[in-house]
Amino acid sequence: MEIDLEAWSKEQFKAAQRPIAWLLSAERLRDSAEIICKHEQAAEIPYFRAYAAAQEEAVAEAYSDGRTAGVVEIKAIPPNYPPAQLLYAFAIENVLKGLIVTNTPGLIDERRLNDELTTHNLIELAEKAQFAVQPQERKMLEALSHLSVWAARYPAARTPRGICQARFLPKNGDAGSADARYSRRDRRWLLGGCREYCSRQRRKPAHHRLWV
């Protein structure tokens, strides 16, 4: 018996767009993010102690020289959280796309992925999914959107404007700058926000087909 590969590939393509497929992908990405976070937590305390010491040294240096700012080395390696944040961004993206397909099953097509499902902008996806976003969550989703496009993947954006848009994101590899604007509070807010957002999505009503 010969298999019609074209028909088979179309069926597989449609099946991969089902809500449950998006959810399973999201869960794998989230679990991988958690593994990275757990591994990197040990670096937090020594890094932020070194960060605080560098801040004091930079301020003292600035005052002694009559300048408005000082730059010194942070003598510790920062926890490598951006890869985890990237995976969280992909996880949330998958969940939201699953919700969109759940609300609009007609988007599933055997020829190509619908344009409604091709963006990586989490704010836009949340709106399409009709998923309410709280003000603090909006900031988090904006940050994660930039992380998923470039900030957690490449050392530079496509344009200088991209740097400005991601101004409050972690400066991966920028451990030598004591004026880095990504504080311990910001780190905890972003990682904690990812976990809470994923958790809140899972608390959708039981009748929602994505969660059945």
Protein backbone atom coordinates (compact mmCIF):
# COMPACT_ATOMS: atom_id res chain seq x y z
CA MET A 1 0.00 0.00 0.00
CA GLU A 2 1.42 3.33 -1.05
CA ILE A 3 1.14 6.33 1.19
CA ASP A 4 0.11 9.63 -0.31
CA LEU A 5 2.90 11.72 1.20
CA GLU A 6 1.33 15.01 0.18
CA ALA A 7 -1.99 14.17 1.85
CA TRP A 8 -0.17 12.80 4.91
CA SER A 9 1.98 15.92 5.25
CA LYS A 10 -1.10 18.15 5.05
CA GLU A 11 -2.84 16.18 7.80
CA GLN A 12 0.26 16.34 9.99
CA PHE A 13 0.55 20.06 9.33
CA LYS A 14 -3.07 20.63 10.39
CA ALA A 15 -2.67 18.44 13.47
CA ALA A 16 0.38 20.44 14.55
CA GLN A 17 -1.79 23.57 14.65
CA ARG A 18 -4.35 22.16 17.08
CA PRO A 19 -4.63 23.90 20.48
CA ILE A 20 -3.24 20.91 22.38
CA ALA A 21 -0.12 20.94 20.19
CA TRP A 22 0.56 24.60 21.02
CA LEU A 23 0.04 23.85 24.72
CA LEU A 24 2.41 20.88 24.76
CA SER A 25 5.07 22.96 23.05
CA ALA A 26 4.55 25.73 25.62
CA GLU A 27 4.92 23.30 28.53
CA ARG A 28 8.19 21.89 27.18
CA LEU A 29 9.61 25.38 26.74
CA ARG A 30 8.46 26.47 30.21
CA ASP A 31 10.00 23.39 31.84
CA SER A 32 13.31 24.05 30.09
CA ALA A 33 13.24 27.67 31.27
CA GLU A 34 12.74 26.51 34.85
CA ILE A 35 15.78 24.22 34.61
CA ILE A 36 17.97 27.12 33.50
CA CYS A 37 16.63 29.38 36.26
CA LYS A 38 17.31 26.77 38.93
CA HIS A 39 20.85 26.25 37.64
CA GLU A 40 21.65 29.97 37.56
CA GLN A 41 20.18 30.94 40.95
CA ALA A 42 23.44 30.12 42.73
CA ALA A 43 25.14 32.99 40.90
CA GLU A 44 22.62 35.60 42.08
CA ILE A 45 23.91 36.38 45.57
CA PRO A 46 27.61 36.76 44.73
CA TYR A 47 26.80 38.76 41.61
CA PHE A 48 24.51 41.27 43.31
CA ARG A 49 26.91 41.65 46.22
CA ALA A 50 29.61 42.48 43.71
CA TYR A 51 27.15 44.75 41.88
CA ALA A 52 26.42 46.71 45.08
CA ALA A 53 30.12 47.01 45.87
CA ALA A 54 30.81 48.25 42.33
CA GLN A 55 28.05 50.86 42.63
CA GLU A 56 29.62 52.26 45.80
CA GLU A 57 33.04 52.27 44.18
CA ALA A 58 31.71 54.01 41.06
CA VAL A 59 30.00 56.72 43.15
CA ALA A 60 33.16 57.28 45.20
CA GLU A 61 35.24 57.50 42.03
CA ALA A 62 32.86 60.02 40.49
CA TYR A 63 32.87 62.27 43.57
CA SER A 64 36.65 62.14 43.95
CA ASP A 65 37.18 63.23 40.36
CA GLY A 66 34.36 65.77 40.31
CA ARG A 67 32.42 63.85 37.67
CA THR A 68 28.74 62.98 37.48
CA ALA A 69 29.34 59.24 36.97
CA GLY A 70 31.96 56.57 37.48
CA VAL A 71 32.46 53.23 35.76
CA VAL A 72 34.12 50.28 37.47
CA GLU A 73 34.28 46.53 36.99
CA ILE A 74 31.70 44.24 38.58
CA LYS A 75 33.90 41.46 39.88
CA ALA A 76 31.50 38.57 39.42
CA ILE A 77 29.78 36.69 36.62
CA PRO A 78 26.03 37.50 36.36
CA PRO A 79 23.46 34.71 36.38
CA ASN A 80 22.73 33.72 32.80
CA TYR A 81 18.96 34.32 32.80
CA PRO A 82 18.33 35.65 29.26
CA PRO A 83 18.12 32.11 27.73
CA ALA A 84 15.45 31.23 30.30
CA GLN A 85 13.58 34.44 29.56
CA LEU A 86 13.77 33.63 25.85
CA LEU A 87 12.19 30.23 26.49
CA TYR A 88 9.51 31.83 28.68
CA ALA A 89 8.73 34.22 25.82
CA PHE A 90 8.37 31.30 23.42
CA ALA A 91 6.23 29.40 25.94
CA ILE A 92 3.81 32.29 26.40
CA GLU A 93 3.74 32.81 22.63
CA ASN A 94 2.72 29.18 22.12
CA VAL A 95 -0.01 29.34 24.76
CA LEU A 96 -1.47 32.51 23.28
CA LYS A 97 -1.45 31.06 19.78
CA GLY A 98 -3.20 27.99 21.13
CA LEU A 99 -5.89 30.22 22.61
CA ILE A 100 -6.27 32.05 19.31
CA VAL A 101 -6.79 28.76 17.45
CA THR A 102 -9.21 27.61 20.13
CA ASN A 103 -11.30 30.75 19.66
CA THR A 104 -11.02 30.63 15.87
CA PRO A 105 -10.59 27.01 14.65
CA GLY A 106 -10.99 28.18 11.05
CA LEU A 107 -7.44 29.55 11.19
CA ILE A 108 -6.08 26.01 10.87
CA ASP A 109 -5.09 25.48 7.24
CA GLU A 110 -3.45 22.59 5.43
CA ARG A 111 -1.32 24.78 3.14
CA ARG A 112 0.32 27.45 5.31
CA LEU A 113 0.30 28.94 8.78
CA ASN A 114 -2.29 31.70 9.01
CA ASP A 115 -0.86 35.22 9.24
CA GLU A 116 -2.68 35.67 12.56
CA LEU A 117 -0.22 33.17 14.05
CA THR A 118 3.07 34.43 12.63
CA THR A 119 3.83 37.39 14.91
CA HIS A 120 6.10 37.19 17.97
CA ASN A 121 4.57 40.31 19.55
CA LEU A 122 3.07 39.01 22.81
CA ILE A 123 0.89 42.08 23.39
CA GLU A 124 -0.65 41.68 19.96
CA LEU A 125 -1.12 37.93 20.48
CA ALA A 126 -2.77 38.47 23.88
CA GLU A 127 -5.25 40.86 22.27
CA LYS A 128 -6.02 38.39 19.49
CA ALA A 129 -6.45 35.64 22.09
CA GLN A 130 -8.83 37.88 24.08
CA PHE A 131 -6.66 37.30 27.13
CA ALA A 132 -6.79 40.17 29.64
CA VAL A 133 -3.37 41.69 30.35
CA GLN A 134 -2.75 43.57 33.59
CA PRO A 135 -0.61 46.78 33.48
CA GLN A 136 2.41 45.10 35.10
CA GLU A 137 2.05 42.11 32.82
CA ARG A 138 2.03 44.40 29.81
CA LYS A 139 5.50 45.67 30.70
CA MET A 140 6.68 42.10 31.10
CA LEU A 141 5.23 41.01 27.75
CA GLU A 142 6.84 43.99 26.01
CA ALA A 143 10.18 43.04 27.54
CA LEU A 144 9.81 39.40 26.55
CA SER A 145 8.85 40.36 23.00
CA HIS A 146 12.13 42.24 22.61
CA LEU A 147 14.01 39.36 24.20
CA SER A 148 12.53 36.86 21.77
CA VAL A 149 13.30 39.03 18.72
CA TRP A 150 16.92 39.87 19.55
CA ALA A 151 17.95 40.79 23.09
CA ALA A 152 18.32 37.20 24.36
CA ARG A 153 19.60 35.88 21.02
CA TYR A 154 22.04 38.40 19.55
CA PRO A 155 24.49 41.02 20.89
CA ALA A 156 22.91 43.78 18.78
CA ALA A 157 19.51 44.85 17.51
CA ARG A 158 18.87 45.59 13.83
CA THR A 159 18.81 49.32 14.55
CA PRO A 160 19.80 51.68 17.42
CA ARG A 161 16.09 52.11 18.15
CA GLY A 162 15.95 48.48 19.21
CA ILE A 163 18.47 49.20 21.96
CA CYS A 164 16.29 52.01 23.32
CA GLN A 165 13.19 49.81 23.27
CA ALA A 166 14.99 47.19 25.33
CA ARG A 167 16.61 49.65 27.73
CA PHE A 168 15.39 47.85 30.87
CA LEU A 169 16.43 44.37 29.73
CA PRO A 170 19.45 42.48 31.08
CA LYS A 171 22.72 43.34 29.39
CA ASN A 172 23.95 39.82 28.75
CA GLY A 173 27.72 39.72 29.03
CA ASP A 174 27.90 43.34 30.24
CA ALA A 175 29.24 42.40 33.66
CA GLY A 176 31.89 45.10 33.60
CA SER A 177 29.53 48.06 33.83
CA ALA A 178 28.51 49.28 37.26
CA ASP A 179 25.86 51.57 35.79
CA ALA A 180 23.83 48.70 34.29
CA ARG A 181 20.15 49.52 34.70
CA TYR A 182 18.97 45.95 35.23
CA SER A 183 18.72 45.52 39.00
CA ARG A 184 18.08 42.49 41.17
CA ARG A 185 14.50 43.68 41.64
CA ASP A 186 14.05 43.87 37.87
CA ARG A 187 15.41 40.36 37.41
CA ARG A 188 13.08 38.91 40.02
CA TRP A 189 10.14 40.87 38.60
CA LEU A 190 10.69 39.58 35.07
CA LEU A 191 11.27 35.93 36.05
CA GLY A 192 8.49 35.95 38.63
CA GLY A 193 6.16 37.62 36.16
CA CYS A 194 6.83 34.89 33.60
CA ARG A 195 5.92 32.18 36.09
CA GLU A 196 2.80 33.97 37.27
CA TYR A 197 1.62 34.72 33.74
CA CYS A 198 2.03 31.10 32.67
CA SER A 199 0.19 30.02 35.82
CA ARG A 200 -2.65 32.49 35.26
CA GLN A 201 -3.11 31.23 31.72
CA ARG A 202 -3.47 27.69 33.03
CA ARG A 203 -6.31 28.85 35.31
CA LYS A 204 -8.62 29.47 32.37
CA PRO A 205 -12.15 28.03 32.82
CA ALA A 206 -12.31 24.24 32.50
CA HIS A 207 -14.76 24.45 29.59
CA HIS A 208 -12.07 26.09 27.45
CA ARG A 209 -11.15 23.41 24.93
CA LEU A 210 -7.43 24.17 25.05
CA TRP A 211 -7.25 22.88 28.61
CA VAL A 212 -9.43 19.77 28.22
